[in-house]
Amino acid sequence: MTSLCHWLGVSRSGFYDWEKREASSRYDDAQELLTHITKIYWQSEGRYGSPRVFKALKSQGICVSRKRVERLMKEAGLKGRVTLVTRRQPGLKRFKSKGENLLLDRAGPTAINQVWVGDVTYLKVNGKWQYLATVMDQYSRRILGWSLSVTRSTELTRDALTYALKKRNYPTNVIFHTDRGIEYAGFEFQKLLNKWDFKHSVNRPGHCTDNAFMESFFHSLKGELIRGTVYKSVKILRQALSCSSSDPI
């Protein structure tokens, strides 16, 4: 460390002061903005590049420069998918409109295992992104299952649900609410829901706040555990997630 500090032209005490320093307000703003950007990106199924994400943010009343959106997306590895051949996709509109929000006209749960909610967020480990899928019981606000992977896939969300089912001794007839992501609409995930007679509820198109419980949890998780901390390995991150509460998250 001494030789490295000497090479960089800084003192050791200055380096350690910098390392212990809390994240700046600009860093917090960037992380919050990146949350909005990532949500829009995945809602577009990875098609949106920075220009379209910028327009979506502007339509939501979020003031930010186009260059900043471009920079944050580049740092997060979010790149719009380029379509070389344009062709009709029969059934695409029907697929996007499939499902409904079963919680809109329903009173809140009165006991556990009535309504579960799930979502996926991103965490950085040693400069690379990892995806965290979680399952929460809406009544108890307990995280019942979670899974961490380098890819955002049906397998990721299925593993989180499998753990939750085992923890709650395989209940049935539970409403499970998520967004409309393909990782929840995929065949293997739907097969697991059907096996235990779960009713799948989804956000209305363009209404990410329909899943406010998970959005709130991820906001608190990043504020308390992630922000300002650099995790050198996936193993260390897993340990931090597991120890963040009396029950594994």
Protein backbone atom coordinates (compact mmCIF):
# COMPACT_ATOMS: atom_id res chain seq x y z
CA MET A 1 0.00 0.00 0.00
CA THR A 2 2.88 2.38 0.81
CA SER A 3 4.48 1.94 -2.62
CA LEU A 4 1.11 2.38 -4.35
CA CYS A 5 0.40 5.61 -2.45
CA HIS A 6 3.89 6.84 -3.30
CA TRP A 7 3.33 6.03 -6.99
CA LEU A 8 0.01 7.93 -6.96
CA GLY A 9 1.54 10.84 -5.07
CA VAL A 10 -0.81 10.65 -2.06
CA SER A 11 -0.23 10.01 1.63
CA ARG A 12 -1.39 6.82 3.35
CA SER A 13 -3.45 8.79 5.86
CA GLY A 14 -5.12 10.68 3.03
CA PHE A 15 -5.96 7.42 1.26
CA TYR A 16 -7.53 5.90 4.39
CA ASP A 17 -9.52 9.09 5.04
CA TRP A 18 -10.85 8.90 1.50
CA GLU A 19 -11.72 5.21 1.88
CA LYS A 20 -13.78 5.88 5.05
CA ARG A 21 -15.50 8.93 3.61
CA GLU A 22 -19.27 8.60 3.14
CA ALA A 23 -20.67 8.68 -0.37
CA SER A 24 -21.32 12.17 -1.70
CA SER A 25 -24.79 13.49 -2.45
CA ARG A 26 -23.90 13.43 -6.17
CA TYR A 27 -23.11 9.72 -5.87
CA ASP A 28 -26.49 9.14 -4.18
CA ASP A 29 -28.23 11.10 -6.95
CA ALA A 30 -26.43 9.05 -9.60
CA GLN A 31 -27.49 5.78 -7.97
CA GLU A 32 -31.10 6.92 -7.75
CA LEU A 33 -31.03 8.02 -11.39
CA LEU A 34 -29.47 4.72 -12.41
CA THR A 35 -32.37 2.93 -10.71
CA HIS A 36 -34.83 4.79 -12.98
CA ILE A 37 -32.64 4.16 -16.04
CA THR A 38 -32.35 0.44 -15.36
CA LYS A 39 -36.09 0.11 -14.79
CA ILE A 40 -36.85 1.75 -18.15
CA TYR A 41 -34.18 -0.32 -19.88
CA TRP A 42 -35.55 -3.66 -18.66
CA GLN A 43 -39.15 -2.62 -19.29
CA SER A 44 -38.09 -2.16 -22.92
CA GLU A 45 -36.65 -5.71 -22.78
CA GLY A 46 -33.18 -4.32 -23.43
CA ARG A 47 -34.12 -2.54 -26.67
CA TYR A 48 -33.73 1.08 -25.51
CA GLY A 49 -30.41 2.86 -25.96
CA SER A 50 -29.53 6.10 -24.18
CA PRO A 51 -31.56 8.41 -26.52
CA ARG A 52 -34.84 6.56 -25.90
CA VAL A 53 -34.10 6.15 -22.18
CA PHE A 54 -33.42 9.89 -22.03
CA LYS A 55 -36.81 10.62 -23.67
CA ALA A 56 -38.56 8.25 -21.24
CA LEU A 57 -36.97 9.98 -18.25
CA LYS A 58 -37.97 13.37 -19.64
CA SER A 59 -41.58 12.21 -20.06
CA GLN A 60 -41.55 11.20 -16.36
CA GLY A 61 -40.45 14.70 -15.37
CA ILE A 62 -36.87 13.70 -14.49
CA CYS A 63 -34.44 16.46 -15.50
CA VAL A 64 -31.08 15.06 -16.63
CA SER A 65 -28.72 15.64 -19.53
CA ARG A 66 -28.54 13.16 -22.39
CA LYS A 67 -24.77 12.80 -21.95
CA ARG A 68 -25.19 11.82 -18.27
CA VAL A 69 -27.72 9.13 -19.20
CA GLU A 70 -25.31 7.85 -21.84
CA ARG A 71 -22.41 7.76 -19.35
CA LEU A 72 -24.36 5.98 -16.60
CA MET A 73 -25.69 3.37 -19.03
CA LYS A 74 -22.18 2.75 -20.36
CA GLU A 75 -20.79 2.30 -16.83
CA ALA A 76 -23.64 -0.10 -15.98
CA GLY A 77 -23.16 -2.12 -19.15
CA LEU A 78 -26.67 -1.27 -20.42
CA LYS A 79 -26.61 -1.25 -24.22
CA GLY A 80 -29.66 -1.01 -26.47
CA ARG A 81 -30.28 -4.01 -28.67
CA VAL A 82 -29.88 -3.23 -32.38
CA THR A 83 -32.42 -4.78 -34.73
CA LEU A 84 -30.92 -5.45 -38.15
CA VAL A 85 -34.03 -6.91 -39.73
CA THR A 86 -37.51 -5.50 -39.18
CA ARG A 87 -40.34 -7.98 -39.32
CA ARG A 88 -43.75 -8.46 -37.86
CA GLN A 89 -43.94 -10.34 -34.57
CA PRO A 90 -47.34 -12.04 -34.33
CA GLY A 91 -48.62 -12.23 -30.78
CA LEU A 92 -46.19 -9.63 -29.34
CA LYS A 93 -48.94 -7.16 -28.47
CA ARG A 94 -51.00 -9.95 -26.94
CA PHE A 95 -47.97 -11.12 -24.90
CA LYS A 96 -47.38 -7.62 -23.48
CA SER A 97 -51.01 -7.20 -22.52
CA LYS A 98 -51.24 -10.63 -20.90
CA GLY A 99 -51.93 -10.69 -17.17
CA GLU A 100 -53.52 -8.21 -14.79
CA ASN A 101 -52.90 -6.58 -11.44
CA LEU A 102 -54.97 -8.69 -9.03
CA LEU A 103 -54.18 -6.38 -6.10
CA LEU A 104 -55.82 -3.19 -7.37
CA ASP A 105 -59.32 -3.84 -6.03
CA ARG A 106 -58.24 -6.10 -3.19
CA ALA A 107 -57.81 -5.19 0.47
CA GLY A 108 -54.38 -5.73 1.98
CA PRO A 109 -53.46 -9.20 3.28
CA THR A 110 -54.60 -10.14 6.79
CA ALA A 111 -52.18 -13.04 7.32
CA ILE A 112 -49.02 -14.55 5.90
CA ASN A 113 -49.01 -16.55 2.67
CA GLN A 114 -51.84 -14.59 1.08
CA VAL A 115 -49.77 -12.23 -1.08
CA TRP A 116 -46.13 -12.59 -2.04
CA VAL A 117 -44.23 -10.06 -4.18
CA GLY A 118 -41.04 -10.47 -6.19
CA ASP A 119 -38.61 -8.33 -8.13
CA VAL A 120 -35.05 -8.17 -9.50
CA THR A 121 -32.41 -5.51 -8.92
CA TYR A 122 -28.74 -5.06 -9.81
CA LEU A 123 -25.66 -4.88 -7.56
CA LYS A 124 -22.04 -4.23 -8.51
CA VAL A 125 -19.24 -6.59 -7.43
CA ASN A 126 -15.67 -5.62 -8.23
CA GLY A 127 -16.84 -3.54 -11.18
CA LYS A 128 -19.22 -6.16 -12.60
CA TRP A 129 -23.00 -6.36 -12.28
CA GLN A 130 -24.84 -9.10 -10.40
CA TYR A 131 -28.60 -9.53 -10.32
CA LEU A 132 -30.53 -10.15 -7.11
CA ALA A 133 -34.01 -11.70 -7.21
CA THR A 134 -36.06 -11.65 -4.01
CA VAL A 135 -39.44 -12.90 -2.77
CA MET A 136 -41.26 -11.04 0.04
CA ASP A 137 -44.40 -11.87 2.02
CA GLN A 138 -46.39 -8.65 1.78
CA TYR A 139 -48.10 -9.15 5.16
CA SER A 140 -45.02 -9.84 7.29
CA ARG A 141 -42.59 -7.87 5.05
CA ARG A 142 -40.19 -10.80 5.41
CA ILE A 143 -37.84 -11.76 2.59
CA LEU A 144 -38.57 -15.45 2.10
CA GLY A 145 -36.12 -16.31 -0.64
CA TRP A 146 -33.39 -14.78 -2.76
CA SER A 147 -31.01 -15.67 -5.55
CA LEU A 148 -27.91 -13.94 -6.94
CA SER A 149 -26.54 -14.43 -10.45
CA VAL A 150 -24.49 -12.75 -13.16
CA THR A 151 -27.44 -13.14 -15.55
CA ARG A 152 -31.03 -11.95 -15.31
CA SER A 153 -33.02 -15.03 -16.26
CA THR A 154 -35.97 -17.27 -15.47
CA GLU A 155 -33.58 -19.53 -13.56
CA LEU A 156 -32.67 -16.63 -11.25
CA THR A 157 -36.28 -15.86 -10.29
CA ARG A 158 -37.23 -19.54 -10.13
CA ASP A 159 -34.45 -20.25 -7.62
CA ALA A 160 -35.61 -17.39 -5.38
CA LEU A 161 -39.21 -18.68 -5.45
CA THR A 162 -38.10 -22.26 -4.83
CA TYR A 163 -36.27 -21.18 -1.66
CA ALA A 164 -39.32 -19.20 -0.49
CA LEU A 165 -41.64 -22.16 -1.05
CA LYS A 166 -39.40 -24.43 0.98
CA LYS A 167 -39.10 -21.88 3.81
CA ARG A 168 -42.89 -21.53 4.10
CA ASN A 169 -43.54 -25.28 3.73
CA TYR A 170 -45.03 -25.04 0.23
CA PRO A 171 -48.26 -23.04 0.68
CA THR A 172 -50.88 -22.96 -2.10
CA ASN A 173 -53.32 -20.43 -3.55
CA VAL A 174 -50.97 -17.49 -2.95
CA ILE A 175 -51.14 -14.35 -5.11
CA PHE A 176 -47.64 -13.70 -6.43
CA HIS A 177 -47.13 -10.16 -7.75
CA THR A 178 -44.24 -9.12 -10.04
CA ASP A 179 -43.48 -6.85 -12.97
CA ARG A 180 -43.97 -8.00 -16.57
CA GLY A 181 -40.35 -9.06 -17.12
CA ILE A 182 -39.63 -12.15 -19.20
CA GLU A 183 -37.86 -13.69 -16.19
CA TYR A 184 -41.32 -14.00 -14.59
CA ALA A 185 -43.30 -14.75 -17.75
CA GLY A 186 -40.98 -17.60 -18.83
CA PHE A 187 -42.28 -21.15 -19.09
CA GLU A 188 -40.22 -22.64 -16.24
CA PHE A 189 -41.26 -19.94 -13.79
CA GLN A 190 -44.92 -20.19 -14.77
CA LYS A 191 -44.72 -23.96 -14.42
CA LEU A 192 -43.56 -23.57 -10.81
CA LEU A 193 -46.39 -21.14 -10.05
CA ASN A 194 -48.97 -23.50 -11.51
CA LYS A 195 -47.60 -26.46 -9.56
CA TRP A 196 -48.60 -24.80 -6.27
CA ASP A 197 -51.75 -23.09 -7.60
CA PHE A 198 -50.26 -19.62 -7.31
CA LYS A 199 -52.14 -16.77 -9.00
CA HIS A 200 -49.76 -14.53 -10.94
CA SER A 201 -50.46 -10.78 -10.60
CA VAL A 202 -48.46 -8.26 -12.65
CA ASN A 203 -47.88 -4.52 -12.78
CA ARG A 204 -49.98 -2.49 -15.15
CA PRO A 205 -47.90 -1.45 -18.18
CA GLY A 206 -45.88 1.63 -17.26
CA HIS A 207 -46.78 1.48 -13.54
CA CYS A 208 -43.65 0.28 -11.70
CA THR A 209 -45.13 1.66 -8.45
CA ASP A 210 -47.64 -1.21 -8.51
CA ASN A 211 -44.85 -3.20 -6.87
CA ALA A 212 -44.03 -0.51 -4.29
CA PHE A 213 -43.23 -2.98 -1.49
CA MET A 214 -40.26 -4.43 -3.37
CA GLU A 215 -39.18 -1.03 -4.69
CA SER A 216 -39.08 0.25 -1.10
CA PHE A 217 -37.12 -2.77 0.10
CA PHE A 218 -34.49 -2.43 -2.62
CA HIS A 219 -34.14 1.29 -1.86
CA SER A 220 -33.48 0.53 1.82
CA LEU A 221 -31.14 -2.36 1.00
CA LYS A 222 -28.95 -0.25 -1.25
CA GLY A 223 -28.94 2.65 1.19
CA GLU A 224 -27.93 0.56 4.20
CA LEU A 225 -25.80 -2.19 2.69
CA ILE A 226 -24.59 -1.28 -0.78
CA ARG A 227 -24.10 2.47 -1.14
CA GLY A 228 -20.55 3.55 -0.42
CA THR A 229 -19.29 -0.05 -0.10
CA VAL A 230 -17.10 -1.85 -2.64
CA TYR A 231 -17.50 -5.65 -2.63
CA LYS A 232 -14.42 -7.46 -3.90
CA SER A 233 -16.12 -10.80 -4.53
CA VAL A 234 -19.54 -12.40 -4.92
CA LYS A 235 -18.85 -14.49 -1.82
CA ILE A 236 -18.41 -11.38 0.34
CA LEU A 237 -21.59 -9.86 -1.09
CA ARG A 238 -23.54 -13.05 -0.35
CA GLN A 239 -22.31 -13.02 3.24
CA ALA A 240 -23.33 -9.37 3.63
CA LEU A 241 -26.81 -10.07 2.23
CA SER A 242 -27.29 -13.09 4.50
CA CYS A 243 -26.19 -11.19 7.60
CA SER A 244 -28.18 -8.02 6.90
CA SER A 245 -31.05 -9.18 9.13
CA SER A 246 -31.86 -11.83 11.71
CA ASP A 247 -33.39 -13.91 8.93
CA PRO A 248 -31.48 -14.44 5.67
CA ILE A 249 -32.79 -11.87 3.22
